[in-house]
Amino acid sequence: MSNSIPLKLITTYGIIGIALCAVYLFALRWNIRLYCNYMALWKALLLHLLRLVAIGTAFTLCARQGALPLLLSFGGFVGMRTIALW
């Protein structure tokens, strides 16, 4: 029996993390625009809360699959964030 991590698992959860980060950063960009428009402050606060709850829920669902899927998806998230902010 091999102790290696299956490539399919790495790819699947890595892509999930990348997709989560892309959606998170898009929502963050939208959130910044709403904060700059003072007339839509309640929308900005609602989107901010929704963004945080959504990412927390997504990582909780990954954690229910195990520690390795959580770490792989978070690694994809951090990797995408680093590339996007570079």
C-alpha atoms as a PDB file:
ATOM      1  CA  MET A   1       0.000   0.000   0.000  1.00  0.00           C
ATOM      2  CA  SER A   2       1.350   3.381  -1.011  1.00  0.00           C
ATOM      3  CA  ASN A   3       1.464   6.408   1.284  1.00  0.00           C
ATOM      4  CA  SER A   4       1.338   8.944  -1.552  1.00  0.00           C
ATOM      5  CA  ILE A   5      -1.464  11.429  -2.014  1.00  0.00           C
ATOM      6  CA  PRO A   6      -3.589  10.673  -5.090  1.00  0.00           C
ATOM      7  CA  LEU A   7      -3.167  13.206  -7.879  1.00  0.00           C
ATOM      8  CA  LYS A   8      -6.938  13.332  -8.384  1.00  0.00           C
ATOM      9  CA  LEU A   9      -7.428  14.509  -4.784  1.00  0.00           C
ATOM     10  CA  ILE A  10      -4.756  17.195  -5.112  1.00  0.00           C
ATOM     11  CA  THR A  11      -6.184  18.429  -8.395  1.00  0.00           C
ATOM     12  CA  THR A  12      -9.815  18.404  -7.298  1.00  0.00           C
ATOM     13  CA  TYR A  13      -9.392  20.264  -4.020  1.00  0.00           C
ATOM     14  CA  GLY A  14      -6.728  22.562  -5.435  1.00  0.00           C
ATOM     15  CA  ILE A  15      -9.127  23.650  -8.172  1.00  0.00           C
ATOM     16  CA  ILE A  16     -11.895  24.090  -5.598  1.00  0.00           C
ATOM     17  CA  GLY A  17      -9.601  26.380  -3.610  1.00  0.00           C
ATOM     18  CA  ILE A  18      -8.684  28.357  -6.719  1.00  0.00           C
ATOM     19  CA  ALA A  19     -12.356  28.764  -7.652  1.00  0.00           C
ATOM     20  CA  LEU A  20     -13.251  29.829  -4.095  1.00  0.00           C
ATOM     21  CA  CYS A  21     -10.537  32.452  -4.171  1.00  0.00           C
ATOM     22  CA  ALA A  22     -11.632  33.767  -7.571  1.00  0.00           C
ATOM     23  CA  VAL A  23     -15.220  34.182  -6.352  1.00  0.00           C
ATOM     24  CA  TYR A  24     -14.027  35.676  -3.055  1.00  0.00           C
ATOM     25  CA  LEU A  25     -11.825  38.256  -4.787  1.00  0.00           C
ATOM     26  CA  PHE A  26     -14.579  39.145  -7.254  1.00  0.00           C
ATOM     27  CA  ALA A  27     -16.973  39.710  -4.343  1.00  0.00           C
ATOM     28  CA  LEU A  28     -14.295  41.742  -2.554  1.00  0.00           C
ATOM     29  CA  ARG A  29     -13.904  43.963  -5.618  1.00  0.00           C
ATOM     30  CA  TRP A  30     -17.666  44.431  -5.788  1.00  0.00           C
ATOM     31  CA  ASN A  31     -17.711  45.109  -2.039  1.00  0.00           C
ATOM     32  CA  ILE A  32     -15.118  47.873  -2.375  1.00  0.00           C
ATOM     33  CA  ARG A  33     -17.204  49.578  -5.045  1.00  0.00           C
ATOM     34  CA  LEU A  34     -20.256  49.448  -2.804  1.00  0.00           C
ATOM     35  CA  TYR A  35     -18.338  50.883   0.151  1.00  0.00           C
ATOM     36  CA  CYS A  36     -17.174  53.791  -2.015  1.00  0.00           C
ATOM     37  CA  ASN A  37     -20.808  54.542  -2.887  1.00  0.00           C
ATOM     38  CA  TYR A  38     -22.127  55.802   0.443  1.00  0.00           C
ATOM     39  CA  MET A  39     -25.750  55.490  -0.688  1.00  0.00           C
ATOM     40  CA  ALA A  40     -25.374  51.683  -0.824  1.00  0.00           C
ATOM     41  CA  LEU A  41     -23.748  51.192   2.566  1.00  0.00           C
ATOM     42  CA  TRP A  42     -26.290  48.614   3.744  1.00  0.00           C
ATOM     43  CA  LYS A  43     -25.694  46.597   0.549  1.00  0.00           C
ATOM     44  CA  ALA A  44     -21.951  46.721   1.180  1.00  0.00           C
ATOM     45  CA  LEU A  45     -22.383  45.462   4.736  1.00  0.00           C
ATOM     46  CA  LEU A  46     -24.698  42.692   3.582  1.00  0.00           C
ATOM     47  CA  LEU A  47     -22.283  41.597   0.844  1.00  0.00           C
ATOM     48  CA  HIS A  48     -19.389  41.712   3.308  1.00  0.00           C
ATOM     49  CA  LEU A  49     -21.238  39.410   5.692  1.00  0.00           C
ATOM     50  CA  LEU A  50     -22.345  37.111   2.867  1.00  0.00           C
ATOM     51  CA  ARG A  51     -18.776  36.885   1.533  1.00  0.00           C
ATOM     52  CA  LEU A  52     -17.379  35.868   4.921  1.00  0.00           C
ATOM     53  CA  VAL A  53     -20.158  33.370   5.649  1.00  0.00           C
ATOM     54  CA  ALA A  54     -19.810  31.800   2.199  1.00  0.00           C
ATOM     55  CA  ILE A  55     -16.046  31.258   2.475  1.00  0.00           C
ATOM     56  CA  GLY A  56     -16.441  29.919   6.017  1.00  0.00           C
ATOM     57  CA  THR A  57     -19.133  27.509   4.872  1.00  0.00           C
ATOM     58  CA  ALA A  58     -17.076  26.340   1.905  1.00  0.00           C
ATOM     59  CA  PHE A  59     -14.035  25.605   4.055  1.00  0.00           C
ATOM     60  CA  THR A  60     -16.227  23.892   6.655  1.00  0.00           C
ATOM     61  CA  LEU A  61     -17.589  21.585   3.953  1.00  0.00           C
ATOM     62  CA  CYS A  62     -14.035  20.814   2.858  1.00  0.00           C
ATOM     63  CA  ALA A  63     -13.047  20.139   6.480  1.00  0.00           C
ATOM     64  CA  ARG A  64     -15.858  17.596   6.792  1.00  0.00           C
ATOM     65  CA  GLN A  65     -14.127  15.622   4.034  1.00  0.00           C
ATOM     66  CA  GLY A  66     -10.966  15.472   6.128  1.00  0.00           C
ATOM     67  CA  ALA A  67      -7.875  17.442   7.015  1.00  0.00           C
ATOM     68  CA  LEU A  68      -6.124  16.829   3.713  1.00  0.00           C
ATOM     69  CA  PRO A  69      -8.957  18.198   1.524  1.00  0.00           C
ATOM     70  CA  LEU A  70      -9.135  21.257   3.787  1.00  0.00           C
ATOM     71  CA  LEU A  71      -5.409  21.874   3.508  1.00  0.00           C
ATOM     72  CA  LEU A  72      -5.391  21.319  -0.249  1.00  0.00           C
ATOM     73  CA  SER A  73      -8.318  23.674  -0.857  1.00  0.00           C
ATOM     74  CA  PHE A  74      -6.806  26.303   1.419  1.00  0.00           C
ATOM     75  CA  GLY A  75      -3.501  25.899  -0.407  1.00  0.00           C
ATOM     76  CA  GLY A  76      -5.267  26.539  -3.712  1.00  0.00           C
ATOM     77  CA  PHE A  77      -6.976  29.567  -2.167  1.00  0.00           C
ATOM     78  CA  VAL A  78      -3.737  31.059  -0.861  1.00  0.00           C
ATOM     79  CA  GLY A  79      -1.886  30.274  -4.093  1.00  0.00           C
ATOM     80  CA  MET A  80      -4.535  31.989  -6.204  1.00  0.00           C
ATOM     81  CA  ARG A  81      -4.612  34.977  -3.864  1.00  0.00           C
ATOM     82  CA  THR A  82      -0.854  35.323  -4.100  1.00  0.00           C
ATOM     83  CA  ILE A  83      -0.946  35.219  -7.889  1.00  0.00           C
ATOM     84  CA  ALA A  84      -3.910  37.621  -8.084  1.00  0.00           C
ATOM     85  CA  LEU A  85      -2.342  40.196  -5.773  1.00  0.00           C
ATOM     86  CA  TRP A  86       1.121  39.977  -7.274  1.00  0.00           C
END
